[in-house]
Protein backbone atom coordinates (compact mmCIF):
# COMPACT_ATOMS: atom_id res chain seq x y z
CA MET A 1 190.96 -17.02 -102.77
CA VAL A 2 190.57 -20.59 -101.56
CA TRP A 3 193.20 -20.06 -98.91
CA LYS A 4 191.45 -16.98 -97.60
CA ILE A 5 188.20 -18.97 -97.24
CA ILE A 6 190.03 -21.83 -95.48
CA GLY A 7 191.73 -19.25 -93.23
CA LEU A 8 188.43 -17.66 -92.42
CA ILE A 9 186.90 -21.02 -91.57
CA PHE A 10 189.77 -21.94 -89.25
CA GLY A 11 189.58 -18.54 -87.69
CA LEU A 12 185.86 -18.90 -87.03
CA ILE A 13 186.43 -22.37 -85.53
CA GLY A 14 189.22 -21.01 -83.29
CA THR A 15 186.97 -18.13 -82.14
CA ALA A 16 184.12 -20.42 -81.35
CA SER A 17 186.36 -22.82 -79.46
CA SER A 18 187.82 -20.03 -77.42
CA MET A 19 184.41 -18.67 -76.57
CA TRP A 20 183.24 -22.13 -75.48
CA ILE A 21 186.26 -22.68 -73.25
CA PHE A 22 185.74 -19.21 -71.74
CA TYR A 23 182.03 -19.97 -71.08
CA GLU A 24 182.92 -23.34 -69.50
CA LYS A 25 185.36 -21.69 -67.07
CA LEU A 26 182.91 -18.92 -66.10
CA SER A 27 179.88 -21.15 -65.73
CA LYS A 28 181.64 -23.27 -63.08
CA ARG A 29 182.56 -20.24 -61.00
CA TYR A 30 179.26 -18.47 -60.91
CA ARG A 31 178.95 -16.02 -58.06
CA LEU A 32 176.01 -13.85 -57.13
CA ARG A 33 176.99 -10.25 -56.50
CA TRP A 34 175.75 -7.79 -53.85
CA GLY A 35 173.84 -5.80 -56.42
CA PHE A 36 171.89 -8.93 -57.43
CA ALA A 37 171.10 -9.64 -53.74
CA GLN A 38 169.77 -6.08 -53.27
CA LYS A 39 167.55 -6.30 -56.41
CA ALA A 40 166.33 -9.73 -55.25
CA VAL A 41 165.36 -8.18 -51.89
CA GLU A 42 163.49 -5.45 -53.61
CA LYS A 43 161.66 -8.02 -55.76
CA ILE A 44 160.81 -10.14 -52.70
CA VAL A 45 159.45 -7.13 -50.81
CA ARG A 46 157.35 -6.01 -53.82
CA ARG A 47 155.80 -9.50 -53.98
CA MET A 48 155.11 -9.46 -50.18
CA ILE A 49 153.42 -6.11 -50.50
CA GLY A 50 151.42 -7.39 -53.49
CA ASP A 51 150.32 -10.38 -51.41
CA ARG A 52 149.48 -8.08 -48.51
CA PHE A 53 151.89 -9.98 -46.28
CA SER A 54 153.54 -7.79 -43.67
CA PRO A 55 155.75 -9.81 -41.32
CA THR A 56 155.67 -8.97 -37.58
CA LEU A 57 158.81 -10.99 -37.06
CA ILE A 58 161.63 -11.86 -39.51
CA VAL A 59 163.65 -14.96 -38.56
CA GLY A 60 167.08 -15.30 -40.23
CA ILE A 61 168.28 -18.87 -40.60
CA GLY A 62 172.09 -19.05 -40.33
CA ARG A 63 174.57 -16.49 -41.73
CA GLY A 64 172.89 -16.15 -45.06
CA GLY A 65 169.46 -15.72 -43.44
CA ALA A 66 170.92 -13.11 -41.11
CA ILE A 67 172.13 -11.06 -44.09
CA MET A 68 169.01 -11.48 -46.21
CA GLY A 69 166.71 -10.96 -43.24
CA ALA A 70 168.44 -7.68 -42.33
CA LEU A 71 168.16 -6.46 -45.94
CA ILE A 72 164.44 -7.41 -45.99
CA SER A 73 163.84 -5.74 -42.66
CA GLY A 74 165.52 -2.57 -43.86
CA GLU A 75 163.59 -2.56 -47.15
CA LEU A 76 160.34 -2.78 -45.14
CA GLY A 77 161.37 0.26 -43.03
CA HIS A 78 162.09 -1.82 -39.94
CA ARG A 79 160.71 -5.18 -38.66
CA PRO A 80 161.98 -7.06 -35.69
CA LEU A 81 164.71 -9.48 -36.73
CA ILE A 82 166.14 -12.44 -34.88
CA VAL A 83 168.68 -14.97 -36.14
CA ILE A 84 168.77 -18.56 -35.07
CA ASP A 85 171.78 -20.42 -36.45
CA ARG A 86 171.64 -24.03 -37.40
CA LYS A 87 174.14 -26.85 -37.27
CA TYR A 88 174.59 -29.88 -39.36
CA LYS A 89 175.99 -33.29 -38.52
CA TRP A 90 176.85 -35.87 -41.15
CA GLU A 91 176.05 -39.52 -40.38
CA GLU A 92 176.60 -42.20 -42.98
CA GLY A 93 176.37 -39.72 -45.83
CA ARG A 94 173.12 -38.19 -44.53
CA ARG A 95 172.82 -34.65 -43.23
CA ILE A 96 171.09 -34.23 -39.87
CA THR A 97 169.85 -30.62 -39.32
CA ASN A 98 169.21 -29.07 -35.93
CA MET A 99 168.95 -25.52 -34.49
CA VAL A 100 171.84 -24.29 -32.36
CA GLN A 101 169.37 -22.99 -29.77
CA ARG A 102 165.58 -23.23 -29.50
CA LEU A 103 164.44 -19.87 -28.17
CA ARG A 104 161.15 -19.39 -26.45
CA ILE A 105 159.71 -16.51 -28.44
CA ASN A 106 156.48 -14.90 -27.39
CA PHE A 107 156.39 -11.76 -29.62
CA GLY A 108 155.72 -11.15 -33.33
CA LEU A 109 154.09 -14.52 -33.93
CA GLU A 110 151.15 -13.05 -35.89
CA SER A 111 153.06 -13.25 -39.20
CA VAL A 112 156.54 -14.72 -39.32
CA LEU A 113 158.87 -14.60 -42.28
CA LEU A 114 161.60 -17.26 -42.31
CA VAL A 115 164.57 -16.15 -44.36
CA SER A 116 167.58 -18.13 -45.59
CA GLY A 117 170.38 -17.35 -48.00
CA GLU A 118 169.84 -20.50 -49.94
CA VAL A 119 167.53 -23.53 -50.02
CA HIS A 120 168.93 -26.70 -51.45
CA SER A 121 166.84 -29.54 -50.11
CA GLY A 122 164.36 -27.78 -47.92
CA THR A 123 164.91 -29.74 -44.78
CA THR A 124 166.33 -26.86 -42.80
CA MET A 125 163.42 -24.56 -43.82
CA ARG A 126 160.97 -27.35 -42.74
CA LEU A 127 162.62 -27.63 -39.36
CA TYR A 128 162.18 -23.87 -38.69
CA TYR A 129 158.67 -23.88 -40.14
CA ASP A 130 157.58 -26.68 -37.81
CA TYR A 131 159.28 -25.08 -34.83
CA PHE A 132 157.53 -21.70 -35.27
CA LYS A 133 154.22 -23.45 -35.83
CA SER A 134 154.78 -25.24 -32.45
CA LEU A 135 155.34 -21.81 -30.81
CA GLY A 136 151.92 -20.66 -32.13
CA ALA A 137 152.78 -18.63 -35.17
CA LYS A 138 149.54 -17.78 -36.95
CA GLU A 139 150.97 -17.23 -40.46
CA ILE A 140 154.42 -18.31 -41.70
CA ARG A 141 155.94 -17.57 -45.09
CA ARG A 142 159.45 -18.23 -46.43
CA ALA A 143 161.98 -16.28 -48.43
CA THR A 144 165.40 -16.97 -49.88
CA LEU A 145 167.96 -15.52 -52.22
CA PHE A 146 168.66 -18.82 -53.97
CA TYR A 147 166.28 -21.78 -54.38
CA GLU A 148 167.67 -24.94 -55.95
CA THR A 149 165.28 -26.62 -58.37
CA GLY A 150 164.07 -29.85 -56.82
CA ALA A 151 163.97 -28.69 -53.17
CA THR A 152 161.08 -30.28 -51.33
CA GLU A 153 160.02 -27.38 -49.15
CA PRO A 154 157.95 -24.64 -50.84
CA VAL A 155 159.25 -21.09 -50.55
CA GLU A 156 156.89 -18.18 -51.38
CA TYR A 157 159.53 -15.50 -52.10
CA ILE A 158 162.58 -16.43 -54.17
CA GLY A 159 165.32 -14.24 -55.62
CA LEU A 160 166.71 -16.86 -57.99
CA LYS A 161 165.60 -20.36 -58.82
CA SER A 162 168.15 -22.58 -60.57
CA SER A 163 169.54 -26.10 -60.73
CA ARG A 164 173.15 -24.82 -60.45
CA LYS A 165 174.89 -26.46 -57.53
CA THR A 166 178.20 -24.55 -57.50
CA LEU A 167 176.76 -21.14 -56.87
CA ARG A 168 178.50 -18.75 -54.48
CA MET A 169 176.60 -16.26 -52.39
CA PRO A 170 177.81 -12.69 -52.19
CA TRP A 171 178.87 -13.08 -48.53
CA MET A 172 181.19 -16.06 -49.35
CA GLY A 173 184.21 -13.83 -49.71
CA SER A 174 187.18 -16.18 -49.31
CA LYS A 175 188.30 -19.77 -48.95
CA SER A 176 188.02 -19.44 -45.18
CA TYR A 177 184.26 -19.36 -45.47
CA ARG A 178 183.09 -22.83 -44.31
CA ARG A 179 179.98 -24.25 -45.76
CA ASP A 180 178.95 -27.06 -43.45
CA SER A 181 175.54 -27.62 -45.10
CA ARG A 182 177.26 -29.36 -48.03
CA SER A 183 178.99 -32.74 -48.03
CA GLU A 184 182.74 -32.60 -48.37
CA GLU A 185 182.44 -33.54 -52.04
CA GLU A 186 179.89 -30.81 -52.78
CA ALA A 187 181.96 -28.18 -50.91
CA LYS A 188 185.02 -28.89 -53.13
CA GLY A 189 182.88 -28.04 -56.17
CA ILE A 190 182.50 -24.46 -55.03
CA GLU A 191 185.61 -22.63 -56.32
CA PHE A 192 186.86 -19.33 -54.99
CA TYR A 193 188.67 -16.87 -57.24
């Protein structure tokens, strides 16, 4: 009887240890799926409708913003969508953000929705916000699939807010996907499987 109890205790310890190791491995490789992105878009659009915000122009920021912007535009029936990519340069460990091209836009500036795939610090979102303000946009709101806790720029419509740094977006399909917004050290932390 004593040996059965000892065996049961060791079995429980082994099971708990295995579950912990399994959890640790999975938590480091967290990837958002396409189904989650679609549900996040539906949630974002419901909130926009509830806020009576109807964008006359959707601006996708980079690749993730192009995808999320297209999904939001489609969910709204159809809204004009443009994508302006951004580029990053690293100087002395600091990231310098700039737009690939500054377009002179003279349509849809009544209510602009800036859309990104993810917001980590908020500096890129701020760059685009200031730019569209300078073009004369009357109302500007922001949306993103993923918002990292601690970002400095407010975003009105968020799919997921988390402090997780090693998160992969649905469109990051392989190791060939380059993520230049992260430092080399941060980029190594994002595992592909």
